Amino acid sequence: SCWAASALSLVSRDCTVFCEPSVTMKFAVLLAGLLCLANAGTLKTRAAEKYPVYSPGAAGSVETCEGITCQPVDCKSPFKYQSPEEAGTCCPLCWADSVKVPEDRSWAKGMTGGVGMNNNADPILCRDVVCLAPDCPEYDQFFDGRCCTKCKSSKTVTPANLAKDFKEMN
C-alpha cells in the first residue's frame, strides 16, 4: 500500500511514514508544486539578470538604457512622436494608430496559377495538382506517368524516378 512513497524515495523502504496512497499522492503533488515554484523564481531571476527591461518612472533605480544612443526622429503624418516614457522604450518612436496603404499587385501582372495535370495522369492521385507550365516547345514535351507534363531536357533520374521504378519491379 506504500508503493508511491517508496517510488519517490522520500521515505524509508519499510513504508513506516505513509501507508495510505492518497496521503502519499497528496504529499507528492505538494512537493512537486513547491519544486516548480522554486524553479520558476530562479528562472525569473536569471531572465532579469540576462535581459534587462526598461522601466519608465522607476526613478533611476533601474536604468537599462545606459550606453544606448538614440537617433533623431522626424515623424511625418500620419505618424506622431511618442516619447520613450509613453512607448516604454529607450528611444522615441514615430507611431501611427492606423496606416492604410494601397496594395500594389502590379508585379503580378501576366502571372498565372500554373497549368493543370496532364490528361493521361491518374485523376485520383493528381487531384488538385498545379503544374508549372513547361518552358519548351510542345514537340519537346513528354509525360512520364506522374502528374505533370515536362520538358525532355528535365528528363533526369531523381529519387522519385527510382521509387517509381522500384515499385514497378515488385
C-alpha atoms as a PDB file:
ATOM      1  CA  SER A   1       0.000   0.000   0.000  1.00  0.00           C
ATOM      2  CA  CYS A   2       3.042   2.308   0.223  1.00  0.00           C
ATOM      3  CA  TRP A   3       4.208   1.951  -3.383  1.00  0.00           C
ATOM      4  CA  ALA A   4       4.196   5.687  -4.179  1.00  0.00           C
ATOM      5  CA  ALA A   5       6.281   6.658  -1.154  1.00  0.00           C
ATOM      6  CA  SER A   6       8.929   4.080  -1.938  1.00  0.00           C
ATOM      7  CA  ALA A   7       8.954   5.134  -5.597  1.00  0.00           C
ATOM      8  CA  LEU A   8       9.613   8.723  -4.603  1.00  0.00           C
ATOM      9  CA  SER A   9      12.470   7.622  -2.319  1.00  0.00           C
ATOM     10  CA  LEU A  10      11.335  10.225   0.171  1.00  0.00           C
ATOM     11  CA  VAL A  11      10.611   7.782   2.962  1.00  0.00           C
ATOM     12  CA  SER A  12      12.304   4.628   4.132  1.00  0.00           C
ATOM     13  CA  ARG A  13      11.750   1.345   2.292  1.00  0.00           C
ATOM     14  CA  ASP A  14       9.605  -0.152   5.084  1.00  0.00           C
ATOM     15  CA  CYS A  15       6.775   2.413   4.500  1.00  0.00           C
ATOM     16  CA  THR A  16       6.543   3.494   8.109  1.00  0.00           C
ATOM     17  CA  VAL A  17       5.654   7.120   7.358  1.00  0.00           C
ATOM     18  CA  PHE A  18       2.848   6.821   4.785  1.00  0.00           C
ATOM     19  CA  CYS A  19       0.504   3.878   4.452  1.00  0.00           C
ATOM     20  CA  GLU A  20      -2.371   5.428   2.508  1.00  0.00           C
ATOM     21  CA  PRO A  21      -1.751   6.010  -1.224  1.00  0.00           C
ATOM     22  CA  SER A  22      -3.998   9.093  -1.146  1.00  0.00           C
ATOM     23  CA  VAL A  23      -1.839  10.733   1.549  1.00  0.00           C
ATOM     24  CA  THR A  24       1.296   9.790  -0.373  1.00  0.00           C
ATOM     25  CA  MET A  25      -0.072  11.252  -3.591  1.00  0.00           C
ATOM     26  CA  LYS A  26      -1.093  14.474  -1.843  1.00  0.00           C
ATOM     27  CA  PHE A  27       2.411  14.764  -0.434  1.00  0.00           C
ATOM     28  CA  ALA A  28       3.970  14.096  -3.862  1.00  0.00           C
ATOM     29  CA  VAL A  29       1.775  16.718  -5.530  1.00  0.00           C
ATOM     30  CA  LEU A  30       2.582  19.258  -2.807  1.00  0.00           C
ATOM     31  CA  LEU A  31       6.306  18.556  -3.134  1.00  0.00           C
ATOM     32  CA  ALA A  32       6.184  18.839  -6.944  1.00  0.00           C
ATOM     33  CA  GLY A  33       4.311  22.148  -6.665  1.00  0.00           C
ATOM     34  CA  LEU A  34       6.894  23.560  -4.273  1.00  0.00           C
ATOM     35  CA  LEU A  35       9.729  22.489  -6.582  1.00  0.00           C
ATOM     36  CA  CYS A  36       8.019  24.147  -9.553  1.00  0.00           C
ATOM     37  CA  LEU A  37       7.541  27.398  -7.653  1.00  0.00           C
ATOM     38  CA  ALA A  38      11.178  27.434  -6.558  1.00  0.00           C
ATOM     39  CA  ASN A  39      12.352  26.738 -10.119  1.00  0.00           C
ATOM     40  CA  ALA A  40      10.082  29.467 -11.574  1.00  0.00           C
ATOM     41  CA  GLY A  41      11.541  32.017  -9.162  1.00  0.00           C
ATOM     42  CA  THR A  42      15.067  31.033 -10.184  1.00  0.00           C
ATOM     43  CA  LEU A  43      14.186  31.334 -13.899  1.00  0.00           C
ATOM     44  CA  LYS A  44      12.676  34.800 -13.415  1.00  0.00           C
ATOM     45  CA  THR A  45      15.781  35.941 -11.548  1.00  0.00           C
ATOM     46  CA  ARG A  46      18.058  34.605 -14.296  1.00  0.00           C
ATOM     47  CA  ALA A  47      15.979  36.219 -17.038  1.00  0.00           C
ATOM     48  CA  ALA A  48      16.040  39.562 -15.259  1.00  0.00           C
ATOM     49  CA  GLU A  49      19.814  39.396 -14.915  1.00  0.00           C
ATOM     50  CA  LYS A  50      20.356  38.460 -18.557  1.00  0.00           C
ATOM     51  CA  TYR A  51      17.691  40.592 -20.305  1.00  0.00           C
ATOM     52  CA  PRO A  52      17.034  43.929 -18.642  1.00  0.00           C
ATOM     53  CA  VAL A  53      13.640  45.524 -19.097  1.00  0.00           C
ATOM     54  CA  TYR A  54      13.173  49.269 -19.460  1.00  0.00           C
ATOM     55  CA  SER A  55      11.089  50.568 -16.576  1.00  0.00           C
ATOM     56  CA  PRO A  56       9.886  54.116 -17.202  1.00  0.00           C
ATOM     57  CA  GLY A  57       9.265  56.028 -13.988  1.00  0.00           C
ATOM     58  CA  ALA A  58      11.488  53.785 -11.881  1.00  0.00           C
ATOM     59  CA  ALA A  59      13.197  56.967 -10.583  1.00  0.00           C
ATOM     60  CA  GLY A  60      16.700  55.942 -11.583  1.00  0.00           C
ATOM     61  CA  SER A  61      16.660  52.722  -9.557  1.00  0.00           C
ATOM     62  CA  VAL A  62      16.593  50.674 -12.773  1.00  0.00           C
ATOM     63  CA  GLU A  63      18.474  52.166 -15.726  1.00  0.00           C
ATOM     64  CA  THR A  64      18.732  49.729 -18.609  1.00  0.00           C
ATOM     65  CA  CYS A  65      19.136  52.331 -21.345  1.00  0.00           C
ATOM     66  CA  GLU A  66      22.622  53.224 -20.171  1.00  0.00           C
ATOM     67  CA  GLY A  67      25.015  53.426 -23.110  1.00  0.00           C
ATOM     68  CA  ILE A  68      22.264  53.489 -25.736  1.00  0.00           C
ATOM     69  CA  THR A  69      22.326  56.466 -28.082  1.00  0.00           C
ATOM     70  CA  CYS A  70      19.171  57.427 -29.934  1.00  0.00           C
ATOM     71  CA  GLN A  71      18.959  58.873 -33.427  1.00  0.00           C
ATOM     72  CA  PRO A  72      16.782  61.927 -34.022  1.00  0.00           C
ATOM     73  CA  VAL A  73      13.346  61.107 -35.420  1.00  0.00           C
ATOM     74  CA  ASP A  74      11.271  63.187 -37.826  1.00  0.00           C
ATOM     75  CA  CYS A  75       7.670  61.985 -37.693  1.00  0.00           C
ATOM     76  CA  LYS A  76       5.637  62.688 -40.810  1.00  0.00           C
ATOM     77  CA  SER A  77       1.851  62.383 -40.985  1.00  0.00           C
ATOM     78  CA  PRO A  78       0.075  60.069 -40.084  1.00  0.00           C
ATOM     79  CA  PHE A  79       2.858  59.222 -37.612  1.00  0.00           C
ATOM     80  CA  LYS A  80       3.110  61.085 -34.330  1.00  0.00           C
ATOM     81  CA  TYR A  81       6.054  61.492 -31.977  1.00  0.00           C
ATOM     82  CA  GLN A  82       5.936  59.176 -28.966  1.00  0.00           C
ATOM     83  CA  SER A  83       8.326  59.772 -26.092  1.00  0.00           C
ATOM     84  CA  PRO A  84      10.323  56.933 -24.515  1.00  0.00           C
ATOM     85  CA  GLU A  85       8.137  57.119 -21.410  1.00  0.00           C
ATOM     86  CA  GLU A  86       4.946  56.726 -23.484  1.00  0.00           C
ATOM     87  CA  ALA A  87       6.378  53.931 -25.625  1.00  0.00           C
ATOM     88  CA  GLY A  88       8.209  52.089 -22.844  1.00  0.00           C
ATOM     89  CA  THR A  89      11.420  52.077 -24.884  1.00  0.00           C
ATOM     90  CA  CYS A  90      14.835  53.658 -24.580  1.00  0.00           C
ATOM     91  CA  CYS A  91      14.378  55.880 -27.640  1.00  0.00           C
ATOM     92  CA  PRO A  92      11.463  57.884 -29.027  1.00  0.00           C
ATOM     93  CA  LEU A  93       9.288  56.400 -31.755  1.00  0.00           C
ATOM     94  CA  CYS A  94       7.125  57.550 -34.630  1.00  0.00           C
ATOM     95  CA  TRP A  95       3.786  55.823 -34.072  1.00  0.00           C
ATOM     96  CA  ALA A  96       0.543  55.628 -36.017  1.00  0.00           C
ATOM     97  CA  ASP A  97      -2.634  54.026 -34.737  1.00  0.00           C
ATOM     98  CA  SER A  98      -3.673  53.009 -38.243  1.00  0.00           C
ATOM     99  CA  VAL A  99      -1.986  53.257 -41.617  1.00  0.00           C
ATOM    100  CA  LYS A 100      -3.817  52.478 -44.835  1.00  0.00           C
ATOM    101  CA  VAL A 101      -1.523  51.501 -47.700  1.00  0.00           C
ATOM    102  CA  PRO A 102      -2.944  50.636 -51.112  1.00  0.00           C
ATOM    103  CA  GLU A 103      -1.985  47.142 -52.183  1.00  0.00           C
ATOM    104  CA  ASP A 104       0.424  47.095 -55.123  1.00  0.00           C
ATOM    105  CA  ARG A 105      -0.054  43.970 -57.223  1.00  0.00           C
ATOM    106  CA  SER A 106       1.460  45.361 -60.417  1.00  0.00           C
ATOM    107  CA  TRP A 107       4.374  42.929 -60.145  1.00  0.00           C
ATOM    108  CA  ALA A 108       1.938  40.005 -60.575  1.00  0.00           C
ATOM    109  CA  LYS A 109       0.604  41.169 -63.953  1.00  0.00           C
ATOM    110  CA  GLY A 110       0.777  38.377 -66.519  1.00  0.00           C
ATOM    111  CA  MET A 111       1.391  35.648 -63.926  1.00  0.00           C
ATOM    112  CA  THR A 112      -0.855  32.605 -63.886  1.00  0.00           C
ATOM    113  CA  GLY A 113      -1.569  29.972 -61.306  1.00  0.00           C
ATOM    114  CA  GLY A 114       0.119  27.288 -63.398  1.00  0.00           C
ATOM    115  CA  VAL A 115      -1.442  24.622 -65.596  1.00  0.00           C
ATOM    116  CA  GLY A 116      -3.472  21.566 -64.777  1.00  0.00           C
ATOM    117  CA  MET A 117      -2.304  17.976 -64.746  1.00  0.00           C
ATOM    118  CA  ASN A 118      -1.597  16.002 -67.894  1.00  0.00           C
ATOM    119  CA  ASN A 119      -4.730  14.399 -69.396  1.00  0.00           C
ATOM    120  CA  ASN A 120      -3.131  10.955 -69.043  1.00  0.00           C
ATOM    121  CA  ALA A 121      -2.379  11.392 -65.318  1.00  0.00           C
ATOM    122  CA  ASP A 122      -4.235   9.490 -62.599  1.00  0.00           C
ATOM    123  CA  PRO A 123      -7.187  11.740 -61.655  1.00  0.00           C
ATOM    124  CA  ILE A 124      -7.263  10.447 -58.074  1.00  0.00           C
ATOM    125  CA  LEU A 125      -3.568  10.696 -57.240  1.00  0.00           C
ATOM    126  CA  CYS A 126      -3.120  14.008 -59.056  1.00  0.00           C
ATOM    127  CA  ARG A 127      -6.296  15.681 -57.781  1.00  0.00           C
ATOM    128  CA  ASP A 128      -5.883  19.473 -57.240  1.00  0.00           C
ATOM    129  CA  VAL A 129      -2.294  19.467 -58.508  1.00  0.00           C
ATOM    130  CA  VAL A 130      -0.985  22.623 -60.151  1.00  0.00           C
ATOM    131  CA  CYS A 131       1.926  22.138 -62.530  1.00  0.00           C
ATOM    132  CA  LEU A 132       4.407  24.668 -63.819  1.00  0.00           C
ATOM    133  CA  ALA A 133       3.967  25.454 -67.482  1.00  0.00           C
ATOM    134  CA  PRO A 134       6.744  23.681 -69.428  1.00  0.00           C
ATOM    135  CA  ASP A 135       9.285  26.165 -70.760  1.00  0.00           C
ATOM    136  CA  CYS A 136       9.872  24.322 -74.030  1.00  0.00           C
ATOM    137  CA  PRO A 137       8.076  23.857 -77.346  1.00  0.00           C
ATOM    138  CA  GLU A 138       5.264  21.293 -77.408  1.00  0.00           C
ATOM    139  CA  TYR A 139       7.235  18.810 -79.544  1.00  0.00           C
ATOM    140  CA  ASP A 140       9.920  18.733 -76.812  1.00  0.00           C
ATOM    141  CA  GLN A 141       7.479  17.807 -74.013  1.00  0.00           C
ATOM    142  CA  PHE A 142       6.810  14.351 -72.581  1.00  0.00           C
ATOM    143  CA  PHE A 143       4.728  12.672 -69.866  1.00  0.00           C
ATOM    144  CA  ASP A 144       6.451  10.227 -67.523  1.00  0.00           C
ATOM    145  CA  GLY A 145       3.390   8.808 -65.777  1.00  0.00           C
ATOM    146  CA  ARG A 146       3.355  11.275 -62.924  1.00  0.00           C
ATOM    147  CA  CYS A 147       1.045  14.290 -62.765  1.00  0.00           C
ATOM    148  CA  CYS A 148       2.686  16.951 -64.914  1.00  0.00           C
ATOM    149  CA  THR A 149       3.966  17.322 -68.461  1.00  0.00           C
ATOM    150  CA  LYS A 150       7.723  18.015 -68.536  1.00  0.00           C
ATOM    151  CA  CYS A 151      10.404  19.101 -70.963  1.00  0.00           C
ATOM    152  CA  LYS A 152      12.731  16.387 -72.280  1.00  0.00           C
ATOM    153  CA  SER A 153      15.670  18.426 -71.003  1.00  0.00           C
ATOM    154  CA  SER A 154      14.471  17.750 -67.442  1.00  0.00           C
ATOM    155  CA  LYS A 155      14.467  14.012 -68.009  1.00  0.00           C
ATOM    156  CA  THR A 156      16.993  13.115 -65.329  1.00  0.00           C
ATOM    157  CA  VAL A 157      16.910  10.318 -62.801  1.00  0.00           C
ATOM    158  CA  THR A 158      15.571  11.610 -59.496  1.00  0.00           C
ATOM    159  CA  PRO A 159      14.699   9.823 -56.235  1.00  0.00           C
ATOM    160  CA  ALA A 160      11.053   9.889 -57.371  1.00  0.00           C
ATOM    161  CA  ASN A 161      12.039   8.051 -60.571  1.00  0.00           C
ATOM    162  CA  LEU A 162      13.938   5.442 -58.577  1.00  0.00           C
ATOM    163  CA  ALA A 163      10.990   4.927 -56.199  1.00  0.00           C
ATOM    164  CA  LYS A 164       8.586   4.544 -59.139  1.00  0.00           C
ATOM    165  CA  ASP A 165      10.869   2.022 -60.843  1.00  0.00           C
ATOM    166  CA  PHE A 166      11.320   0.081 -57.586  1.00  0.00           C
ATOM    167  CA  LYS A 167       7.568  -0.024 -57.069  1.00  0.00           C
ATOM    168  CA  GLU A 168       7.008  -1.309 -60.605  1.00  0.00           C
ATOM    169  CA  MET A 169       9.574  -4.126 -60.126  1.00  0.00           C
ATOM    170  CA  ASN A 170       7.772  -5.527 -57.066  1.00  0.00           C
END
